[in-house]
All heavy atoms as atom14 arrays in JSON, in Angstrom:
{
  "sequence": "EVNVDAELIARENDEEGVIDLSNGCICCRL",
  "atom14_mask": [
    [1, 1, 1, 1, 1, 1, 1, 1, 1, 0, 0, 0, 0, 0],
    [1, 1, 1, 1, 1, 1, 1, 0, 0, 0, 0, 0, 0, 0],
    [1, 1, 1, 1, 1, 1, 1, 1, 0, 0, 0, 0, 0, 0],
    [1, 1, 1, 1, 1, 1, 1, 0, 0, 0, 0, 0, 0, 0],
    [1, 1, 1, 1, 1, 1, 1, 1, 0, 0, 0, 0, 0, 0],
    [1, 1, 1, 1, 1, 0, 0, 0, 0, 0, 0, 0, 0, 0],
    [1, 1, 1, 1, 1, 1, 1, 1, 1, 0, 0, 0, 0, 0],
    [1, 1, 1, 1, 1, 1, 1, 1, 0, 0, 0, 0, 0, 0],
    [1, 1, 1, 1, 1, 1, 1, 1, 0, 0, 0, 0, 0, 0],
    [1, 1, 1, 1, 1, 0, 0, 0, 0, 0, 0, 0, 0, 0],
    [1, 1, 1, 1, 1, 1, 1, 1, 1, 1, 1, 0, 0, 0],
    [1, 1, 1, 1, 1, 1, 1, 1, 1, 0, 0, 0, 0, 0],
    [1, 1, 1, 1, 1, 1, 1, 1, 0, 0, 0, 0, 0, 0],
    [1, 1, 1, 1, 1, 1, 1, 1, 0, 0, 0, 0, 0, 0],
    [1, 1, 1, 1, 1, 1, 1, 1, 1, 0, 0, 0, 0, 0],
    [1, 1, 1, 1, 1, 1, 1, 1, 1, 0, 0, 0, 0, 0],
    [1, 1, 1, 1, 0, 0, 0, 0, 0, 0, 0, 0, 0, 0],
    [1, 1, 1, 1, 1, 1, 1, 0, 0, 0, 0, 0, 0, 0],
    [1, 1, 1, 1, 1, 1, 1, 1, 0, 0, 0, 0, 0, 0],
    [1, 1, 1, 1, 1, 1, 1, 1, 0, 0, 0, 0, 0, 0],
    [1, 1, 1, 1, 1, 1, 1, 1, 0, 0, 0, 0, 0, 0],
    [1, 1, 1, 1, 1, 1, 0, 0, 0, 0, 0, 0, 0, 0],
    [1, 1, 1, 1, 1, 1, 1, 1, 0, 0, 0, 0, 0, 0],
    [1, 1, 1, 1, 0, 0, 0, 0, 0, 0, 0, 0, 0, 0],
    [1, 1, 1, 1, 1, 1, 0, 0, 0, 0, 0, 0, 0, 0],
    [1, 1, 1, 1, 1, 1, 1, 1, 0, 0, 0, 0, 0, 0],
    [1, 1, 1, 1, 1, 1, 0, 0, 0, 0, 0, 0, 0, 0],
    [1, 1, 1, 1, 1, 1, 0, 0, 0, 0, 0, 0, 0, 0],
    [1, 1, 1, 1, 1, 1, 1, 1, 1, 1, 1, 0, 0, 0],
    [1, 1, 1, 1, 1, 1, 1, 1, 0, 0, 0, 0, 0, 0]
  ],
  "atom14_positions": [
    [[8.54, 3.12, -7.42], [8.65, 2.81, -6.0], [7.42, 3.31, -5.24], [7.07, 2.8, -4.2], [9.92, 3.44, -5.42], [11.19, 2.79, -5.96], [12.43, 3.35, -5.29], [12.28, 4.23, -4.42], [13.53, 2.91, -5.63], [0.0, 0.0, 0.0], [0.0, 0.0, 0.0], [0.0, 0.0, 0.0], [0.0, 0.0, 0.0], [0.0, 0.0, 0.0]],
    [[6.8, 4.38, -5.75], [5.56, 4.88, -5.18], [4.47, 4.7, -6.21], [4.59, 5.19, -7.34], [5.67, 6.38, -4.79], [4.34, 6.88, -4.28], [6.77, 6.57, -3.77], [0.0, 0.0, 0.0], [0.0, 0.0, 0.0], [0.0, 0.0, 0.0], [0.0, 0.0, 0.0], [0.0, 0.0, 0.0], [0.0, 0.0, 0.0], [0.0, 0.0, 0.0]],
    [[3.42, 4.0, -5.85], [2.35, 3.71, -6.79], [1.38, 4.89, -6.82], [0.48, 4.99, -6.0], [1.64, 2.42, -6.39], [0.68, 1.95, -7.48], [0.2, 2.74, -8.28], [0.41, 0.67, -7.5], [0.0, 0.0, 0.0], [0.0, 0.0, 0.0], [0.0, 0.0, 0.0], [0.0, 0.0, 0.0], [0.0, 0.0, 0.0], [0.0, 0.0, 0.0]],
    [[1.61, 5.77, -7.79], [0.77, 6.97, -7.89], [-0.66, 6.59, -8.19], [-1.61, 7.21, -7.69], [1.33, 7.91, -8.98], [0.42, 9.12, -9.14], [2.75, 8.34, -8.63], [0.0, 0.0, 0.0], [0.0, 0.0, 0.0], [0.0, 0.0, 0.0], [0.0, 0.0, 0.0], [0.0, 0.0, 0.0], [0.0, 0.0, 0.0], [0.0, 0.0, 0.0]],
    [[-0.88, 5.57, -9.01], [-2.24, 5.15, -9.34], [-3.02, 4.79, -8.08], [-4.19, 5.16, -7.93], [-2.21, 3.93, -10.27], [-1.78, 4.3, -11.69], [-1.66, 5.51, -11.94], [-1.58, 3.4, -12.5], [0.0, 0.0, 0.0], [0.0, 0.0, 0.0], [0.0, 0.0, 0.0], [0.0, 0.0, 0.0], [0.0, 0.0, 0.0], [0.0, 0.0, 0.0]],
    [[-2.39, 4.06, -7.18], [-3.07, 3.68, -5.95], [-3.45, 4.9, -5.13], [-4.54, 4.97, -4.54], [-2.18, 2.75, -5.12], [0.0, 0.0, 0.0], [0.0, 0.0, 0.0], [0.0, 0.0, 0.0], [0.0, 0.0, 0.0], [0.0, 0.0, 0.0], [0.0, 0.0, 0.0], [0.0, 0.0, 0.0], [0.0, 0.0, 0.0], [0.0, 0.0, 0.0]],
    [[-2.57, 5.89, -5.1], [-2.88, 7.1, -4.36], [-4.05, 7.85, -4.98], [-4.93, 8.37, -4.29], [-1.64, 8.0, -4.3], [-0.49, 7.4, -3.48], [0.72, 8.3, -3.45], [0.65, 9.39, -4.06], [1.72, 7.93, -2.83], [0.0, 0.0, 0.0], [0.0, 0.0, 0.0], [0.0, 0.0, 0.0], [0.0, 0.0, 0.0], [0.0, 0.0, 0.0]],
    [[-4.07, 7.91, -6.31], [-5.18, 8.59, -6.99], [-6.5, 7.91, -6.69], [-7.5, 8.58, -6.37], [-4.93, 8.59, -8.51], [-3.86, 9.54, -9.04], [-3.61, 9.26, -10.51], [-4.28, 10.99, -8.83], [0.0, 0.0, 0.0], [0.0, 0.0, 0.0], [0.0, 0.0, 0.0], [0.0, 0.0, 0.0], [0.0, 0.0, 0.0], [0.0, 0.0, 0.0]],
    [[-6.52, 6.59, -6.79], [-7.77, 5.86, -6.56], [-8.18, 5.95, -5.1], [-9.36, 6.08, -4.79], [-7.62, 4.41, -7.02], [-7.57, 4.38, -8.56], [-8.75, 3.54, -6.52], [-7.34, 3.03, -9.14], [0.0, 0.0, 0.0], [0.0, 0.0, 0.0], [0.0, 0.0, 0.0], [0.0, 0.0, 0.0], [0.0, 0.0, 0.0], [0.0, 0.0, 0.0]],
    [[-7.22, 5.9, -4.19], [-7.55, 6.02, -2.76], [-8.17, 7.37, -2.46], [-9.05, 7.5, -1.62], [-6.3, 5.79, -1.92], [0.0, 0.0, 0.0], [0.0, 0.0, 0.0], [0.0, 0.0, 0.0], [0.0, 0.0, 0.0], [0.0, 0.0, 0.0], [0.0, 0.0, 0.0], [0.0, 0.0, 0.0], [0.0, 0.0, 0.0], [0.0, 0.0, 0.0]],
    [[-7.68, 8.43, -3.14], [-8.24, 9.76, -2.91], [-9.63, 9.89, -3.48], [-10.5, 10.52, -2.91], [-7.33, 10.83, -3.55], [-6.13, 11.21, -2.71], [-5.64, 12.59, -3.11], [-5.32, 12.69, -4.52], [-4.12, 12.44, -5.03], [-3.14, 12.06, -4.23], [-3.9, 12.56, -6.32], [0.0, 0.0, 0.0], [0.0, 0.0, 0.0], [0.0, 0.0, 0.0]],
    [[-9.86, 9.28, -4.63], [-11.11, 9.49, -5.34], [-12.2, 8.52, -4.92], [-13.35, 8.68, -5.29], [-10.86, 9.36, -6.85], [-9.95, 10.46, -7.38], [-9.77, 10.4, -8.88], [-10.64, 9.81, -9.56], [-8.78, 10.92, -9.38], [0.0, 0.0, 0.0], [0.0, 0.0, 0.0], [0.0, 0.0, 0.0], [0.0, 0.0, 0.0], [0.0, 0.0, 0.0]],
    [[-11.85, 7.5, -4.14], [-12.82, 6.51, -3.71], [-12.63, 6.23, -2.22], [-11.52, 5.95, -1.77], [-12.67, 5.22, -4.5], [-12.94, 5.42, -5.98], [-14.08, 5.42, -6.41], [-11.87, 5.63, -6.74], [0.0, 0.0, 0.0], [0.0, 0.0, 0.0], [0.0, 0.0, 0.0], [0.0, 0.0, 0.0], [0.0, 0.0, 0.0], [0.0, 0.0, 0.0]],
    [[-13.69, 6.3, -1.49], [-13.62, 6.08, -0.05], [-13.64, 4.61, 0.31], [-13.4, 4.24, 1.46], [-14.79, 6.78, 0.65], [-14.7, 8.3, 0.49], [-13.55, 8.8, 0.4], [-15.76, 8.95, 0.45], [0.0, 0.0, 0.0], [0.0, 0.0, 0.0], [0.0, 0.0, 0.0], [0.0, 0.0, 0.0], [0.0, 0.0, 0.0], [0.0, 0.0, 0.0]],
    [[-13.94, 3.73, -0.65], [-14.02, 2.31, -0.36], [-12.65, 1.75, 0.01], [-11.63, 2.16, -0.53], [-14.56, 1.55, -1.58], [-15.98, 1.9, -1.94], [-16.99, 1.4, -0.93], [-16.71, 0.36, -0.31], [-18.01, 2.07, -0.75], [0.0, 0.0, 0.0], [0.0, 0.0, 0.0], [0.0, 0.0, 0.0], [0.0, 0.0, 0.0], [0.0, 0.0, 0.0]],
    [[-12.65, 0.81, 0.94], [-11.41, 0.12, 1.25], [-11.21, -1.01, 0.24], [-12.05, -1.28, -0.6], [-11.46, -0.45, 2.67], [-11.6, 0.6, 3.74], [-11.73, -0.03, 5.12], [-11.74, -1.26, 5.2], [-11.82, 0.71, 6.09], [0.0, 0.0, 0.0], [0.0, 0.0, 0.0], [0.0, 0.0, 0.0], [0.0, 0.0, 0.0], [0.0, 0.0, 0.0]],
    [[-10.08, -1.69, 0.35], [-9.85, -2.83, -0.52], [-9.03, -2.5, -1.74], [-9.14, -3.17, -2.77], [0.0, 0.0, 0.0], [0.0, 0.0, 0.0], [0.0, 0.0, 0.0], [0.0, 0.0, 0.0], [0.0, 0.0, 0.0], [0.0, 0.0, 0.0], [0.0, 0.0, 0.0], [0.0, 0.0, 0.0], [0.0, 0.0, 0.0], [0.0, 0.0, 0.0]],
    [[-8.18, -1.46, -1.66], [-7.26, -1.13, -2.72], [-5.87, -1.56, -2.28], [-5.34, -1.07, -1.3], [-7.27, 0.37, -3.05], [-6.22, 0.69, -4.12], [-8.64, 0.81, -3.53], [0.0, 0.0, 0.0], [0.0, 0.0, 0.0], [0.0, 0.0, 0.0], [0.0, 0.0, 0.0], [0.0, 0.0, 0.0], [0.0, 0.0, 0.0], [0.0, 0.0, 0.0]],
    [[-5.27, -2.52, -3.0], [-3.95, -3.03, -2.67], [-2.94, -2.51, -3.67], [-3.17, -2.53, -4.88], [-3.94, -4.57, -2.69], [-4.89, -5.12, -1.63], [-2.53, -5.12, -2.47], [-4.48, -4.78, -0.2], [0.0, 0.0, 0.0], [0.0, 0.0, 0.0], [0.0, 0.0, 0.0], [0.0, 0.0, 0.0], [0.0, 0.0, 0.0], [0.0, 0.0, 0.0]],
    [[-1.8, -2.05, -3.15], [-0.76, -1.43, -3.94], [0.42, -2.38, -4.07], [1.04, -2.77, -3.08], [-0.35, -0.12, -3.23], [0.89, 0.52, -3.82], [1.34, 0.08, -4.88], [1.4, 1.47, -3.2], [0.0, 0.0, 0.0], [0.0, 0.0, 0.0], [0.0, 0.0, 0.0], [0.0, 0.0, 0.0], [0.0, 0.0, 0.0], [0.0, 0.0, 0.0]],
    [[0.72, -2.83, -5.3], [1.92, -3.63, -5.57], [2.89, -2.77, -6.37], [2.68, -2.54, -7.56], [1.57, -4.89, -6.36], [0.75, -5.96, -5.64], [0.47, -7.11, -6.59], [1.48, -6.47, -4.42], [0.0, 0.0, 0.0], [0.0, 0.0, 0.0], [0.0, 0.0, 0.0], [0.0, 0.0, 0.0], [0.0, 0.0, 0.0], [0.0, 0.0, 0.0]],
    [[3.93, -2.26, -5.7], [4.83, -1.31, -6.34], [6.2, -1.9, -6.6], [6.57, -2.94, -6.07], [4.98, -0.06, -5.45], [3.75, 0.59, -5.27], [0.0, 0.0, 0.0], [0.0, 0.0, 0.0], [0.0, 0.0, 0.0], [0.0, 0.0, 0.0], [0.0, 0.0, 0.0], [0.0, 0.0, 0.0], [0.0, 0.0, 0.0], [0.0, 0.0, 0.0]],
    [[6.95, -1.17, -7.42], [8.37, -1.47, -7.65], [8.58, -2.87, -8.23], [9.43, -3.61, -7.78], [9.18, -1.3, -6.36], [10.63, -1.01, -6.65], [10.95, -0.55, -7.74], [11.49, -1.3, -5.7], [0.0, 0.0, 0.0], [0.0, 0.0, 0.0], [0.0, 0.0, 0.0], [0.0, 0.0, 0.0], [0.0, 0.0, 0.0], [0.0, 0.0, 0.0]],
    [[7.8, -3.19, -9.21], [7.94, -4.49, -9.87], [6.77, -4.7, -10.79], [5.86, -3.88, -10.87], [0.0, 0.0, 0.0], [0.0, 0.0, 0.0], [0.0, 0.0, 0.0], [0.0, 0.0, 0.0], [0.0, 0.0, 0.0], [0.0, 0.0, 0.0], [0.0, 0.0, 0.0], [0.0, 0.0, 0.0], [0.0, 0.0, 0.0], [0.0, 0.0, 0.0]],
    [[6.79, -5.82, -11.49], [5.77, -6.1, -12.5], [5.09, -7.42, -12.19], [5.76, -8.43, -11.96], [6.43, -6.13, -13.88], [5.29, -6.46, -15.22], [0.0, 0.0, 0.0], [0.0, 0.0, 0.0], [0.0, 0.0, 0.0], [0.0, 0.0, 0.0], [0.0, 0.0, 0.0], [0.0, 0.0, 0.0], [0.0, 0.0, 0.0], [0.0, 0.0, 0.0]],
    [[3.77, -7.44, -12.2], [3.05, -8.66, -11.82], [3.09, -9.72, -12.9], [2.64, -10.84, -12.68], [1.56, -8.37, -11.46], [0.82, -7.73, -12.63], [1.48, -7.54, -10.21], [-0.67, -7.57, -12.38], [0.0, 0.0, 0.0], [0.0, 0.0, 0.0], [0.0, 0.0, 0.0], [0.0, 0.0, 0.0], [0.0, 0.0, 0.0], [0.0, 0.0, 0.0]],
    [[3.65, -9.4, -14.07], [3.78, -10.45, -15.08], [5.06, -11.25, -14.88], [5.29, -12.24, -15.56], [3.72, -9.89, -16.51], [5.21, -9.05, -17.07], [0.0, 0.0, 0.0], [0.0, 0.0, 0.0], [0.0, 0.0, 0.0], [0.0, 0.0, 0.0], [0.0, 0.0, 0.0], [0.0, 0.0, 0.0], [0.0, 0.0, 0.0], [0.0, 0.0, 0.0]],
    [[5.9, -10.84, -13.93], [7.15, -11.58, -13.7], [7.49, -11.57, -12.21], [7.07, -12.45, -11.46], [8.29, -11.02, -14.55], [8.44, -9.22, -14.53], [0.0, 0.0, 0.0], [0.0, 0.0, 0.0], [0.0, 0.0, 0.0], [0.0, 0.0, 0.0], [0.0, 0.0, 0.0], [0.0, 0.0, 0.0], [0.0, 0.0, 0.0], [0.0, 0.0, 0.0]],
    [[8.21, -10.53, -11.73], [8.78, -10.56, -10.39], [7.74, -10.57, -9.28], [7.96, -11.12, -8.19], [9.73, -9.36, -10.22], [10.52, -9.36, -8.94], [11.79, -8.56, -9.12], [11.55, -7.17, -9.45], [11.47, -6.2, -8.55], [11.56, -6.48, -7.27], [11.29, -4.95, -8.92], [0.0, 0.0, 0.0], [0.0, 0.0, 0.0], [0.0, 0.0, 0.0]],
    [[6.59, -9.96, -9.51], [5.59, -9.83, -8.44], [4.42, -10.8, -8.59], [3.38, -10.6, -7.97], [5.06, -8.39, -8.39], [6.06, -7.3, -7.99], [5.36, -5.97, -7.88], [6.76, -7.64, -6.68], [0.0, 0.0, 0.0], [0.0, 0.0, 0.0], [0.0, 0.0, 0.0], [0.0, 0.0, 0.0], [0.0, 0.0, 0.0], [0.0, 0.0, 0.0]]
  ]
}
């Protein structure tokens, strides 16, 4: 439900353009 990966990358990189798709899988539901 919380995308930890997105938070890690957001902290380590100042660039914008990081989109978080949480609580599902992009090979099916998302």
